[in-house]
Structure formats: C-alpha cells, structure tokens
C-alpha cells in the first residue's frame, strides 16, 4: 500500500490544520495508522497512532489535548486534526501504517511510510 500525506501549510500560532493520509494500491481499513514528524537534523518522532481494531488511540505527551487522530475506512484515509498549534510543532509530518493492531511509538514497527507534508507554525 502506498501512503500520501497532505494538508500541510503555513499557519499562525494558535491556528489549526487537518492533515490527511490517503492510501492507494491497497486498503488501510485493517491497518493501524500513525503520524510522525521530523525537523532538520533530528530523528523522526512519534505524534499519534490509531489501531485498526477498536480504534484505540495513543498520543505523544507534547500533543495531547491539541491533536486528534481519526480514520475513515470508507474513504481509505486517516486524519490528524491539529489545534492550538505552536511554533515547536513545525516539522515535516509523515503517516505510516502497520498490519498489526498497535499504537506503538517505535517507528521501526511501522512498515509502510508515505511522503511527508510540511507544517510551518509562524507569525
């Protein structure tokens, strides 16, 4: 399955964005989906994940209460709603999928990755 992240852009602090992760060449209805982010010179870090079974979600502490991950199996997509954005949220955001029912923050456990989308939070 090929993944594509989209929806990034420039937003002011306190603003909102919704990122989309769409799949082609297969379905993610039975895949767990995660979002990671990366800034230049730093490792890719976990943001959020949602299981395919029961849709249990997991979030990094830095985004809890501000970001919400969701999935739409009918449209073969997943989303990351980001509210109250901060400058430190600036990064390239990647979506990933796994056929296991997981919300792990370990990026090595996610087998499929899409190209990222850039989110810039600045006034």
PDB file of N, CA and C in Angstrom:
ATOM      1  N   UNK A   1       0.844  -1.174   0.000  1.00  0.00           N
ATOM      2  CA  UNK A   1       0.000   0.000   0.000  1.00  0.00           C
ATOM      3  C   UNK A   1       0.889   1.237   0.000  1.00  0.00           C
ATOM      4  N   UNK A   2       0.499   2.208  -0.824  1.00  0.00           N
ATOM      5  CA  UNK A   2       1.238   3.480  -0.865  1.00  0.00           C
ATOM      6  C   UNK A   2       0.451   4.538  -0.089  1.00  0.00           C
ATOM      7  N   UNK A   3       1.160   5.285   0.715  1.00  0.00           N
ATOM      8  CA  UNK A   3       0.539   6.324   1.537  1.00  0.00           C
ATOM      9  C   UNK A   3       0.971   7.702   1.062  1.00  0.00           C
ATOM     10  N   UNK A   4       0.070   8.652   1.185  1.00  0.00           N
ATOM     11  CA  UNK A   4       0.386  10.027   0.827  1.00  0.00           C
ATOM     12  C   UNK A   4      -0.183  10.951   1.889  1.00  0.00           C
ATOM     13  N   UNK A   5       0.690  11.725   2.497  1.00  0.00           N
ATOM     14  CA  UNK A   5       0.259  12.729   3.470  1.00  0.00           C
ATOM     15  C   UNK A   5       0.045  14.061   2.752  1.00  0.00           C
ATOM     16  N   UNK A   6      -0.978  14.784   3.182  1.00  0.00           N
ATOM     17  CA  UNK A   6      -1.263  16.096   2.585  1.00  0.00           C
ATOM     18  C   UNK A   6      -1.936  16.986   3.629  1.00  0.00           C
ATOM     19  N   UNK A   7      -2.072  18.251   3.288  1.00  0.00           N
ATOM     20  CA  UNK A   7      -2.780  19.172   4.167  1.00  0.00           C
ATOM     21  C   UNK A   7      -1.891  20.124   4.940  1.00  0.00           C
ATOM     22  N   UNK A   8      -0.583  19.990   4.772  1.00  0.00           N
ATOM     23  CA  UNK A   8       0.316  20.894   5.469  1.00  0.00           C
ATOM     24  C   UNK A   8       0.264  22.303   4.902  1.00  0.00           C
ATOM     25  N   UNK A   9       0.915  23.206   5.609  1.00  0.00           N
ATOM     26  CA  UNK A   9       0.947  24.585   5.155  1.00  0.00           C
ATOM     27  C   UNK A   9       1.464  25.500   6.238  1.00  0.00           C
ATOM     28  N   UNK A  10       1.297  26.790   5.995  1.00  0.00           N
ATOM     29  CA  UNK A  10       1.725  27.809   6.945  1.00  0.00           C
ATOM     30  C   UNK A  10       0.518  28.246   7.773  1.00  0.00           C
ATOM     31  N   UNK A  11       0.678  28.261   9.076  1.00  0.00           N
ATOM     32  CA  UNK A  11      -0.407  28.652   9.970  1.00  0.00           C
ATOM     33  C   UNK A  11       0.172  29.463  11.121  1.00  0.00           C
ATOM     34  N   UNK A  12      -0.605  30.386  11.628  1.00  0.00           N
ATOM     35  CA  UNK A  12      -0.151  31.190  12.760  1.00  0.00           C
ATOM     36  C   UNK A  12      -0.281  30.412  14.055  1.00  0.00           C
ATOM     37  N   UNK A  13       0.511  30.750  15.047  1.00  0.00           N
ATOM     38  CA  UNK A  13       0.354  30.109  16.371  1.00  0.00           C
ATOM     39  C   UNK A  13      -1.079  30.236  16.863  1.00  0.00           C
ATOM     40  N   UNK A  14      -1.579  29.139  17.411  1.00  0.00           N
ATOM     41  CA  UNK A  14      -2.964  29.091  17.862  1.00  0.00           C
ATOM     42  C   UNK A  14      -3.935  28.618  16.803  1.00  0.00           C
ATOM     43  N   UNK A  15      -3.461  28.501  15.583  1.00  0.00           N
ATOM     44  CA  UNK A  15      -4.315  28.075  14.478  1.00  0.00           C
ATOM     45  C   UNK A  15      -4.465  26.564  14.398  1.00  0.00           C
ATOM     46  N   UNK A  16      -5.180  26.126  13.371  1.00  0.00           N
ATOM     47  CA  UNK A  16      -5.479  24.707  13.184  1.00  0.00           C
ATOM     48  C   UNK A  16      -5.172  24.263  11.759  1.00  0.00           C
ATOM     49  N   UNK A  17      -4.870  22.991  11.640  1.00  0.00           N
ATOM     50  CA  UNK A  17      -4.717  22.338  10.344  1.00  0.00           C
ATOM     51  C   UNK A  17      -5.219  20.915  10.477  1.00  0.00           C
ATOM     52  N   UNK A  18      -5.678  20.363   9.364  1.00  0.00           N
ATOM     53  CA  UNK A  18      -6.020  18.938   9.339  1.00  0.00           C
ATOM     54  C   UNK A  18      -5.192  18.263   8.264  1.00  0.00           C
ATOM     55  N   UNK A  19      -4.402  17.313   8.680  1.00  0.00           N
ATOM     56  CA  UNK A  19      -3.605  16.517   7.752  1.00  0.00           C
ATOM     57  C   UNK A  19      -4.382  15.276   7.346  1.00  0.00           C
ATOM     58  N   UNK A  20      -4.189  14.886   6.102  1.00  0.00           N
ATOM     59  CA  UNK A  20      -4.820  13.675   5.586  1.00  0.00           C
ATOM     60  C   UNK A  20      -3.755  12.670   5.169  1.00  0.00           C
ATOM     61  N   UNK A  21      -4.077  11.422   5.364  1.00  0.00           N
ATOM     62  CA  UNK A  21      -3.220  10.319   4.910  1.00  0.00           C
ATOM     63  C   UNK A  21      -4.105   9.431   4.049  1.00  0.00           C
ATOM     64  N   UNK A  22      -3.838   9.420   2.762  1.00  0.00           N
ATOM     65  CA  UNK A  22      -4.646   8.616   1.867  1.00  0.00           C
ATOM     66  C   UNK A  22      -3.820   7.445   1.338  1.00  0.00           C
ATOM     67  N   UNK A  23      -4.510   6.340   1.097  1.00  0.00           N
ATOM     68  CA  UNK A  23      -3.849   5.111   0.667  1.00  0.00           C
ATOM     69  C   UNK A  23      -4.271   4.745  -0.741  1.00  0.00           C
ATOM     70  N   UNK A  24      -3.328   4.181  -1.465  1.00  0.00           N
ATOM     71  CA  UNK A  24      -3.621   3.661  -2.794  1.00  0.00           C
ATOM     72  C   UNK A  24      -2.915   2.331  -2.968  1.00  0.00           C
ATOM     73  N   UNK A  25      -3.421   1.545  -3.881  1.00  0.00           N
ATOM     74  CA  UNK A  25      -2.820   0.246  -4.108  1.00  0.00           C
ATOM     75  C   UNK A  25      -3.145  -0.769  -3.034  1.00  0.00           C
ATOM     76  N   UNK A  26      -4.093  -0.443  -2.201  1.00  0.00           N
ATOM     77  CA  UNK A  26      -4.482  -1.338  -1.121  1.00  0.00           C
ATOM     78  C   UNK A  26      -5.362  -0.602  -0.139  1.00  0.00           C
ATOM     79  N   UNK A  27      -5.794  -1.312   0.874  1.00  0.00           N
ATOM     80  CA  UNK A  27      -6.660  -0.712   1.877  1.00  0.00           C
ATOM     81  C   UNK A  27      -5.932  -0.587   3.206  1.00  0.00           C
ATOM     82  N   UNK A  28      -6.278   0.454   3.960  1.00  0.00           N
ATOM     83  CA  UNK A  28      -5.744   0.586   5.319  1.00  0.00           C
ATOM     84  C   UNK A  28      -6.839   0.355   6.344  1.00  0.00           C
ATOM     85  N   UNK A  29      -7.956  -0.217   5.898  1.00  0.00           N
ATOM     86  CA  UNK A  29      -9.058  -0.427   6.831  1.00  0.00           C
ATOM     87  C   UNK A  29      -8.699  -1.427   7.923  1.00  0.00           C
ATOM     88  N   UNK A  30      -7.745  -2.300   7.628  1.00  0.00           N
ATOM     89  CA  UNK A  30      -7.266  -3.238   8.642  1.00  0.00           C
ATOM     90  C   UNK A  30      -5.806  -2.979   8.982  1.00  0.00           C
ATOM     91  N   UNK A  31      -5.407  -1.727   8.888  1.00  0.00           N
ATOM     92  CA  UNK A  31      -4.055  -1.324   9.271  1.00  0.00           C
ATOM     93  C   UNK A  31      -4.149  -0.300  10.391  1.00  0.00           C
ATOM     94  N   UNK A  32      -3.238  -0.386  11.313  1.00  0.00           N
ATOM     95  CA  UNK A  32      -3.072   0.707  12.257  1.00  0.00           C
ATOM     96  C   UNK A  32      -2.353   1.834  11.521  1.00  0.00           C
ATOM     97  N   UNK A  33      -2.639   3.052  11.905  1.00  0.00           N
ATOM     98  CA  UNK A  33      -2.055   4.206  11.235  1.00  0.00           C
ATOM     99  C   UNK A  33      -1.430   5.129  12.273  1.00  0.00           C
ATOM    100  N   UNK A  34      -0.312   5.706  11.925  1.00  0.00           N
ATOM    101  CA  UNK A  34       0.391   6.606  12.839  1.00  0.00           C
ATOM    102  C   UNK A  34       0.863   7.855  12.103  1.00  0.00           C
ATOM    103  N   UNK A  35       1.101   8.873  12.889  1.00  0.00           N
ATOM    104  CA  UNK A  35       1.737  10.085  12.396  1.00  0.00           C
ATOM    105  C   UNK A  35       3.039  10.295  13.171  1.00  0.00           C
ATOM    106  N   UNK A  36       4.072  10.627  12.433  1.00  0.00           N
ATOM    107  CA  UNK A  36       5.362  11.001  12.991  1.00  0.00           C
ATOM    108  C   UNK A  36       5.731  12.360  12.410  1.00  0.00           C
ATOM    109  N   UNK A  37       6.698  13.010  13.020  1.00  0.00           N
ATOM    110  CA  UNK A  37       7.168  14.272  12.477  1.00  0.00           C
ATOM    111  C   UNK A  37       8.681  14.368  12.619  1.00  0.00           C
ATOM    112  N   UNK A  38       9.250  15.211  11.778  1.00  0.00           N
ATOM    113  CA  UNK A  38      10.704  15.326  11.747  1.00  0.00           C
ATOM    114  C   UNK A  38      11.105  16.745  11.384  1.00  0.00           C
ATOM    115  N   UNK A  39      12.101  17.251  12.113  1.00  0.00           N
ATOM    116  CA  UNK A  39      12.704  18.543  11.791  1.00  0.00           C
ATOM    117  C   UNK A  39      14.134  18.307  11.337  1.00  0.00           C
ATOM    118  N   UNK A  40      14.712  19.236  10.581  1.00  0.00           N
ATOM    119  CA  UNK A  40      16.058  19.036  10.035  1.00  0.00           C
ATOM    120  C   UNK A  40      17.083  18.699  11.112  1.00  0.00           C
ATOM    121  N   UNK A  41      17.838  17.649  10.862  1.00  0.00           N
ATOM    122  CA  UNK A  41      18.906  17.263  11.756  1.00  0.00           C
ATOM    123  C   UNK A  41      18.463  16.471  12.967  1.00  0.00           C
ATOM    124  N   UNK A  42      17.164  16.190  13.051  1.00  0.00           N
ATOM    125  CA  UNK A  42      16.664  15.447  14.205  1.00  0.00           C
ATOM    126  C   UNK A  42      15.983  14.159  13.751  1.00  0.00           C
ATOM    127  N   UNK A  43      15.809  13.263  14.702  1.00  0.00           N
ATOM    128  CA  UNK A  43      15.159  11.994  14.393  1.00  0.00           C
ATOM    129  C   UNK A  43      13.644  12.199  14.215  1.00  0.00           C
ATOM    130  N   UNK A  44      13.063  11.264  13.475  1.00  0.00           N
ATOM    131  CA  UNK A  44      11.616  11.268  13.296  1.00  0.00           C
ATOM    132  C   UNK A  44      10.973  10.826  14.609  1.00  0.00           C
ATOM    133  N   UNK A  45      10.017  11.582  15.090  1.00  0.00           N
ATOM    134  CA  UNK A  45       9.422  11.289  16.396  1.00  0.00           C
ATOM    135  C   UNK A  45       7.924  11.034  16.281  1.00  0.00           C
ATOM    136  N   UNK A  46       7.449  10.273  17.201  1.00  0.00           N
ATOM    137  CA  UNK A  46       6.055   9.851  17.249  1.00  0.00           C
ATOM    138  C   UNK A  46       5.136  11.010  17.611  1.00  0.00           C
ATOM    139  N   UNK A  47       3.989  11.056  16.939  1.00  0.00           N
ATOM    140  CA  UNK A  47       2.981  12.065  17.243  1.00  0.00           C
ATOM    141  C   UNK A  47       1.699  11.397  17.753  1.00  0.00           C
ATOM    142  N   UNK A  48       1.173  10.477  16.968  1.00  0.00           N
ATOM    143  CA  UNK A  48      -0.094   9.832  17.336  1.00  0.00           C
ATOM    144  C   UNK A  48      -0.273   8.570  16.517  1.00  0.00           C
ATOM    145  N   UNK A  49      -1.099   7.665  17.036  1.00  0.00           N
ATOM    146  CA  UNK A  49      -1.399   6.435  16.316  1.00  0.00           C
ATOM    147  C   UNK A  49      -2.794   5.945  16.687  1.00  0.00           C
ATOM    148  N   UNK A  50      -3.381   5.195  15.768  1.00  0.00           N
ATOM    149  CA  UNK A  50      -4.706   4.641  15.996  1.00  0.00           C
ATOM    150  C   UNK A  50      -4.746   3.203  15.493  1.00  0.00           C
ATOM    151  N   UNK A  51      -5.269   2.317  16.326  1.00  0.00           N
ATOM    152  CA  UNK A  51      -5.362   0.913  15.956  1.00  0.00           C
ATOM    153  C   UNK A  51      -6.452   0.694  14.921  1.00  0.00           C
ATOM    154  N   UNK A  52      -6.272  -0.377  14.095  1.00  0.00           N
ATOM    155  CA  UNK A  52      -7.386  -0.687  13.201  1.00  0.00           C
ATOM    156  C   UNK A  52      -8.483  -1.409  13.966  1.00  0.00           C
ATOM    157  N   UNK A  53      -8.078  -2.139  14.990  1.00  0.00           N
ATOM    158  CA  UNK A  53      -9.061  -2.841  15.803  1.00  0.00           C
ATOM    159  C   UNK A  53      -9.457  -1.921  16.942  1.00  0.00           C
ATOM    160  N   UNK A  54     -10.647  -1.591  17.084  1.00  0.00           N
ATOM    161  CA  UNK A  54     -11.294  -0.768  18.120  1.00  0.00           C
ATOM    162  C   UNK A  54     -10.899   0.696  18.126  1.00  0.00           C
ATOM    163  N   UNK A  55     -10.023   1.087  17.172  1.00  0.00           N
ATOM    164  CA  UNK A  55      -9.645   2.493  17.007  1.00  0.00           C
ATOM    165  C   UNK A  55      -9.090   3.140  18.259  1.00  0.00           C
ATOM    166  N   UNK A  56      -8.444   2.358  19.104  1.00  0.00           N
ATOM    167  CA  UNK A  56      -7.775   2.936  20.265  1.00  0.00           C
ATOM    168  C   UNK A  56      -6.640   3.837  19.801  1.00  0.00           C
ATOM    169  N   UNK A  57      -6.525   5.014  20.420  1.00  0.00           N
ATOM    170  CA  UNK A  57      -5.517   5.986  20.003  1.00  0.00           C
ATOM    171  C   UNK A  57      -4.471   6.202  21.085  1.00  0.00           C
ATOM    172  N   UNK A  58      -3.309   6.649  20.643  1.00  0.00           N
ATOM    173  CA  UNK A  58      -2.197   6.952  21.524  1.00  0.00           C
ATOM    174  C   UNK A  58      -1.556   8.243  21.034  1.00  0.00           C
ATOM    175  N   UNK A  59      -1.138   9.105  21.966  1.00  0.00           N
ATOM    176  CA  UNK A  59      -0.572  10.396  21.601  1.00  0.00           C
ATOM    177  C   UNK A  59       0.732  10.660  22.344  1.00  0.00           C
ATOM    178  N   UNK A  60       1.609  11.387  21.685  1.00  0.00           N
ATOM    179  CA  UNK A  60       2.786  11.906  22.375  1.00  0.00           C
ATOM    180  C   UNK A  60       2.318  12.947  23.393  1.00  0.00           C
ATOM    181  N   UNK A  61       3.028  13.032  24.501  1.00  0.00           N
ATOM    182  CA  UNK A  61       2.634  13.971  25.553  1.00  0.00           C
ATOM    183  C   UNK A  61       2.573  15.410  25.035  1.00  0.00           C
ATOM    184  N   UNK A  62       3.442  15.727  24.108  1.00  0.00           N
ATOM    185  CA  UNK A  62       3.532  17.102  23.618  1.00  0.00           C
ATOM    186  C   UNK A  62       2.303  17.548  22.817  1.00  0.00           C
ATOM    187  N   UNK A  63       1.489  16.590  22.369  1.00  0.00           N
ATOM    188  CA  UNK A  63       0.331  16.957  21.544  1.00  0.00           C
ATOM    189  C   UNK A  63      -0.999  16.582  22.185  1.00  0.00           C
ATOM    190  N   UNK A  64      -0.965  15.919  23.323  1.00  0.00           N
ATOM    191  CA  UNK A  64      -2.201  15.509  23.984  1.00  0.00           C
ATOM    192  C   UNK A  64      -3.081  16.717  24.279  1.00  0.00           C
ATOM    193  N   UNK A  65      -4.359  16.567  23.972  1.00  0.00           N
ATOM    194  CA  UNK A  65      -5.305  17.649  24.193  1.00  0.00           C
ATOM    195  C   UNK A  65      -5.365  18.650  23.060  1.00  0.00           C
ATOM    196  N   UNK A  66      -4.422  18.585  22.111  1.00  0.00           N
ATOM    197  CA  UNK A  66      -4.417  19.517  20.986  1.00  0.00           C
ATOM    198  C   UNK A  66      -4.634  18.807  19.643  1.00  0.00           C
ATOM    199  N   UNK A  67      -4.113  17.594  19.522  1.00  0.00           N
ATOM    200  CA  UNK A  67      -4.200  16.846  18.274  1.00  0.00           C
ATOM    201  C   UNK A  67      -5.171  15.677  18.443  1.00  0.00           C
ATOM    202  N   UNK A  68      -5.852  15.341  17.364  1.00  0.00           N
ATOM    203  CA  UNK A  68      -6.758  14.198  17.360  1.00  0.00           C
ATOM    204  C   UNK A  68      -6.535  13.393  16.090  1.00  0.00           C
ATOM    205  N   UNK A  69      -6.274  12.106  16.270  1.00  0.00           N
ATOM    206  CA  UNK A  69      -6.124  11.208  15.128  1.00  0.00           C
ATOM    207  C   UNK A  69      -7.450  10.478  14.905  1.00  0.00           C
ATOM    208  N   UNK A  70      -7.789  10.282  13.650  1.00  0.00           N
ATOM    209  CA  UNK A  70      -9.024   9.571  13.325  1.00  0.00           C
ATOM    210  C   UNK A  70      -8.826   8.815  12.021  1.00  0.00           C
ATOM    211  N   UNK A  71      -9.797   7.990  11.698  1.00  0.00           N
ATOM    212  CA  UNK A  71      -9.697   7.206  10.467  1.00  0.00           C
ATOM    213  C   UNK A  71     -11.057   7.146   9.802  1.00  0.00           C
ATOM    214  N   UNK A  72     -11.044   6.990   8.502  1.00  0.00           N
ATOM    215  CA  UNK A  72     -12.263   6.865   7.709  1.00  0.00           C
ATOM    216  C   UNK A  72     -12.047   5.687   6.767  1.00  0.00           C
ATOM    217  N   UNK A  73     -12.455   4.519   7.204  1.00  0.00           N
ATOM    218  CA  UNK A  73     -12.195   3.320   6.417  1.00  0.00           C
ATOM    219  C   UNK A  73     -12.932   3.357   5.073  1.00  0.00           C
ATOM    220  N   UNK A  74     -14.091   3.990   5.042  1.00  0.00           N
ATOM    221  CA  UNK A  74     -14.856   4.048   3.795  1.00  0.00           C
ATOM    222  C   UNK A  74     -14.093   4.803   2.706  1.00  0.00           C
ATOM    223  N   UNK A  75     -13.299   5.786   3.128  1.00  0.00           N
ATOM    224  CA  UNK A  75     -12.514   6.574   2.176  1.00  0.00           C
ATOM    225  C   UNK A  75     -11.035   6.203   2.175  1.00  0.00           C
ATOM    226  N   UNK A  76     -10.720   5.108   2.875  1.00  0.00           N
ATOM    227  CA  UNK A  76      -9.339   4.610   2.870  1.00  0.00           C
ATOM    228  C   UNK A  76      -8.355   5.699   3.290  1.00  0.00           C
ATOM    229  N   UNK A  77      -8.702   6.387   4.375  1.00  0.00           N
ATOM    230  CA  UNK A  77      -7.906   7.535   4.791  1.00  0.00           C
ATOM    231  C   UNK A  77      -7.838   7.637   6.307  1.00  0.00           C
ATOM    232  N   UNK A  78      -6.877   8.393   6.763  1.00  0.00           N
ATOM    233  CA  UNK A  78      -6.756   8.740   8.174  1.00  0.00           C
ATOM    234  C   UNK A  78      -6.414  10.219   8.252  1.00  0.00           C
ATOM    235  N   UNK A  79      -6.660  10.794   9.422  1.00  0.00           N
ATOM    236  CA  UNK A  79      -6.500  12.236   9.562  1.00  0.00           C
ATOM    237  C   UNK A  79      -5.808  12.578  10.868  1.00  0.00           C
ATOM    238  N   UNK A  80      -5.214  13.768  10.875  1.00  0.00           N
ATOM    239  CA  UNK A  80      -4.660  14.316  12.105  1.00  0.00           C
ATOM    240  C   UNK A  80      -5.160  15.751  12.209  1.00  0.00           C
ATOM    241  N   UNK A  81      -6.094  15.964  13.118  1.00  0.00           N
ATOM    242  CA  UNK A  81      -6.589  17.304  13.385  1.00  0.00           C
ATOM    243  C   UNK A  81      -5.674  17.954  14.403  1.00  0.00           C
ATOM    244  N   UNK A  82      -5.101  19.095  14.033  1.00  0.00           N
ATOM    245  CA  UNK A  82      -4.140  19.773  14.893  1.00  0.00           C
ATOM    246  C   UNK A  82      -4.698  21.139  15.260  1.00  0.00           C
ATOM    247  N   UNK A  83      -4.933  21.330  16.537  1.00  0.00           N
ATOM    248  CA  UNK A  83      -5.458  22.593  17.042  1.00  0.00           C
ATOM    249  C   UNK A  83      -4.452  23.258  17.959  1.00  0.00           C
ATOM    250  N   UNK A  84      -4.645  24.539  18.165  1.00  0.00           N
ATOM    251  CA  UNK A  84      -3.762  25.309  19.052  1.00  0.00           C
ATOM    252  C   UNK A  84      -2.294  25.049  18.716  1.00  0.00           C
ATOM    253  N   UNK A  85      -1.972  25.192  17.467  1.00  0.00           N
ATOM    254  CA  UNK A  85      -0.622  24.894  17.008  1.00  0.00           C
ATOM    255  C   UNK A  85       0.393  25.857  17.592  1.00  0.00           C
ATOM    256  N   UNK A  86       1.574  25.325  17.831  1.00  0.00           N
ATOM    257  CA  UNK A  86       2.678  26.089  18.409  1.00  0.00           C
ATOM    258  C   UNK A  86       3.859  26.071  17.446  1.00  0.00           C
ATOM    259  N   UNK A  87       4.743  27.055  17.553  1.00  0.00           N
ATOM    260  CA  UNK A  87       5.922  27.056  16.660  1.00  0.00           C
ATOM    261  C   UNK A  87       6.726  25.759  16.739  1.00  0.00           C
ATOM    262  N   UNK A  88       6.755  25.136  17.902  1.00  0.00           N
ATOM    263  CA  UNK A  88       7.513  23.885  18.044  1.00  0.00           C
ATOM    264  C   UNK A  88       6.850  22.706  17.339  1.00  0.00           C
ATOM    265  N   UNK A  89       5.648  22.890  16.823  1.00  0.00           N
ATOM    266  CA  UNK A  89       5.009  21.854  16.014  1.00  0.00           C
ATOM    267  C   UNK A  89       5.482  21.889  14.561  1.00  0.00           C
ATOM    268  N   UNK A  90       6.261  22.887  14.211  1.00  0.00           N
ATOM    269  CA  UNK A  90       6.793  22.977  12.852  1.00  0.00           C
ATOM    270  C   UNK A  90       7.653  21.769  12.537  1.00  0.00           C
ATOM    271  N   UNK A  91       7.318  21.086  11.452  1.00  0.00           N
ATOM    272  CA  UNK A  91       8.023  19.863  11.075  1.00  0.00           C
ATOM    273  C   UNK A  91       7.428  19.330   9.778  1.00  0.00           C
ATOM    274  N   UNK A  92       8.108  18.347   9.223  1.00  0.00           N
ATOM    275  CA  UNK A  92       7.516  17.545   8.156  1.00  0.00           C
ATOM    276  C   UNK A  92       6.784  16.388   8.830  1.00  0.00           C
ATOM    277  N   UNK A  93       5.525  16.221   8.492  1.00  0.00           N
ATOM    278  CA  UNK A  93       4.693  15.187   9.092  1.00  0.00           C
ATOM    279  C   UNK A  93       4.541  14.018   8.118  1.00  0.00           C
ATOM    280  N   UNK A  94       4.737  12.805   8.637  1.00  0.00           N
ATOM    281  CA  UNK A  94       4.639  11.593   7.858  1.00  0.00           C
ATOM    282  C   UNK A  94       3.558  10.691   8.439  1.00  0.00           C
ATOM    283  N   UNK A  95       2.838  10.014   7.553  1.00  0.00           N
ATOM    284  CA  UNK A  95       1.938   8.975   8.044  1.00  0.00           C
ATOM    285  C   UNK A  95       2.553   7.608   7.746  1.00  0.00           C
ATOM    286  N   UNK A  96       2.192   6.657   8.568  1.00  0.00           N
ATOM    287  CA  UNK A  96       2.727   5.308   8.462  1.00  0.00           C
ATOM    288  C   UNK A  96       1.627   4.316   8.789  1.00  0.00           C
ATOM    289  N   UNK A  97       1.788   3.099   8.314  1.00  0.00           N
ATOM    290  CA  UNK A  97       0.792   2.066   8.554  1.00  0.00           C
ATOM    291  C   UNK A  97       1.450   0.767   8.962  1.00  0.00           C
ATOM    292  N   UNK A  98       0.695  -0.019   9.701  1.00  0.00           N
ATOM    293  CA  UNK A  98       1.152  -1.337  10.122  1.00  0.00           C
ATOM    294  C   UNK A  98      -0.037  -2.289  10.087  1.00  0.00           C
ATOM    295  N   UNK A  99       0.215  -3.538   9.659  1.00  0.00           N
ATOM    296  CA  UNK A  99      -0.873  -4.518   9.629  1.00  0.00           C
ATOM    297  C   UNK A  99      -1.165  -5.078  11.009  1.00  0.00           C
ATOM    298  N   UNK A 100      -0.330  -4.752  11.967  1.00  0.00           N
ATOM    299  CA  UNK A 100      -0.604  -5.206  13.330  1.00  0.00           C
ATOM    300  C   UNK A 100      -1.487  -4.201  14.036  1.00  0.00           C
ATOM    301  N   UNK A 101      -2.175  -4.660  15.050  1.00  0.00           N
ATOM    302  CA  UNK A 101      -3.037  -3.784  15.838  1.00  0.00           C
ATOM    303  C   UNK A 101      -2.174  -3.138  16.921  1.00  0.00           C
ATOM    304  N   UNK A 102      -1.685  -1.946  16.628  1.00  0.00           N
ATOM    305  CA  UNK A 102      -0.706  -1.330  17.514  1.00  0.00           C
ATOM    306  C   UNK A 102      -0.849   0.179  17.534  1.00  0.00           C
ATOM    307  N   UNK A 103      -0.367   0.781  18.605  1.00  0.00           N
ATOM    308  CA  UNK A 103      -0.218   2.238  18.670  1.00  0.00           C
ATOM    309  C   UNK A 103       1.193   2.586  19.150  1.00  0.00           C
ATOM    310  N   UNK A 104       2.132   1.726  18.866  1.00  0.00           N
ATOM    311  CA  UNK A 104       3.485   1.911  19.348  1.00  0.00           C
ATOM    312  C   UNK A 104       4.129   3.188  18.829  1.00  0.00           C
ATOM    313  N   UNK A 105       4.963   3.778  19.666  1.00  0.00           N
ATOM    314  CA  UNK A 105       5.721   4.964  19.273  1.00  0.00           C
ATOM    315  C   UNK A 105       7.035   4.598  18.595  1.00  0.00           C
ATOM    316  N   UNK A 106       7.338   3.325  18.522  1.00  0.00           N
ATOM    317  CA  UNK A 106       8.581   2.851  17.917  1.00  0.00           C
ATOM    318  C   UNK A 106       8.442   2.883  16.396  1.00  0.00           C
ATOM    319  N   UNK A 107       9.145   3.778  15.751  1.00  0.00           N
ATOM    320  CA  UNK A 107       8.977   3.941  14.302  1.00  0.00           C
ATOM    321  C   UNK A 107       9.404   2.697  13.533  1.00  0.00           C
ATOM    322  N   UNK A 108      10.252   1.863  14.113  1.00  0.00           N
ATOM    323  CA  UNK A 108      10.707   0.651  13.419  1.00  0.00           C
ATOM    324  C   UNK A 108       9.590  -0.387  13.288  1.00  0.00           C
ATOM    325  N   UNK A 109       8.511  -0.204  14.043  1.00  0.00           N
ATOM    326  CA  UNK A 109       7.395  -1.148  13.985  1.00  0.00           C
ATOM    327  C   UNK A 109       6.377  -0.777  12.904  1.00  0.00           C
ATOM    328  N   UNK A 110       6.596   0.330  12.219  1.00  0.00           N
ATOM    329  CA  UNK A 110       5.680   0.775  11.178  1.00  0.00           C
ATOM    330  C   UNK A 110       6.309   0.481   9.823  1.00  0.00           C
ATOM    331  N   UNK A 111       5.644  -0.323   9.013  1.00  0.00           N
ATOM    332  CA  UNK A 111       6.271  -0.871   7.816  1.00  0.00           C
ATOM    333  C   UNK A 111       6.047  -0.046   6.552  1.00  0.00           C
ATOM    334  N   UNK A 112       4.956   0.684   6.487  1.00  0.00           N
ATOM    335  CA  UNK A 112       4.649   1.461   5.283  1.00  0.00           C
ATOM    336  C   UNK A 112       4.688   2.943   5.630  1.00  0.00           C
ATOM    337  N   UNK A 113       5.364   3.702   4.783  1.00  0.00           N
ATOM    338  CA  UNK A 113       5.506   5.135   5.027  1.00  0.00           C
ATOM    339  C   UNK A 113       5.140   5.908   3.769  1.00  0.00           C
ATOM    340  N   UNK A 114       4.559   7.068   3.999  1.00  0.00           N
ATOM    341  CA  UNK A 114       4.274   7.960   2.893  1.00  0.00           C
ATOM    342  C   UNK A 114       5.263   9.109   2.865  1.00  0.00           C
ATOM    343  N   UNK A 115       5.208   9.878   1.794  1.00  0.00           N
ATOM    344  CA  UNK A 115       5.977  11.109   1.741  1.00  0.00           C
ATOM    345  C   UNK A 115       5.349  12.122   2.700  1.00  0.00           C
ATOM    346  N   UNK A 116       6.144  12.987   3.214  1.00  0.00           N
ATOM    347  CA  UNK A 116       5.677  13.902   4.240  1.00  0.00           C
ATOM    348  C   UNK A 116       5.014  15.150   3.699  1.00  0.00           C
ATOM    349  N   UNK A 117       4.418  15.879   4.615  1.00  0.00           N
ATOM    350  CA  UNK A 117       3.835  17.177   4.305  1.00  0.00           C
ATOM    351  C   UNK A 117       4.343  18.180   5.343  1.00  0.00           C
ATOM    352  N   UNK A 118       4.742  19.352   4.871  1.00  0.00           N
ATOM    353  CA  UNK A 118       5.382  20.328   5.742  1.00  0.00           C
ATOM    354  C   UNK A 118       4.348  21.192   6.450  1.00  0.00           C
ATOM    355  N   UNK A 119       4.497  21.276   7.752  1.00  0.00           N
ATOM    356  CA  UNK A 119       3.678  22.156   8.579  1.00  0.00           C
ATOM    357  C   UNK A 119       4.594  23.221   9.177  1.00  0.00           C
ATOM    358  N   UNK A 120       4.263  24.478   8.931  1.00  0.00           N
ATOM    359  CA  UNK A 120       5.039  25.582   9.469  1.00  0.00           C
ATOM    360  C   UNK A 120       4.122  26.440  10.326  1.00  0.00           C
ATOM    361  N   UNK A 121       4.492  26.595  11.586  1.00  0.00           N
ATOM    362  CA  UNK A 121       3.707  27.415  12.511  1.00  0.00           C
ATOM    363  C   UNK A 121       4.525  28.656  12.830  1.00  0.00           C
ATOM    364  N   UNK A 122       4.083  29.782  12.321  1.00  0.00           N
ATOM    365  CA  UNK A 122       4.856  31.009  12.467  1.00  0.00           C
ATOM    366  C   UNK A 122       3.942  32.210  12.285  1.00  0.00           C
ATOM    367  N   UNK A 123       4.282  33.282  12.982  1.00  0.00           N
ATOM    368  CA  UNK A 123       3.541  34.529  12.815  1.00  0.00           C
ATOM    369  C   UNK A 123       4.223  35.431  11.796  1.00  0.00           C
TER     370      UNK A 123
END
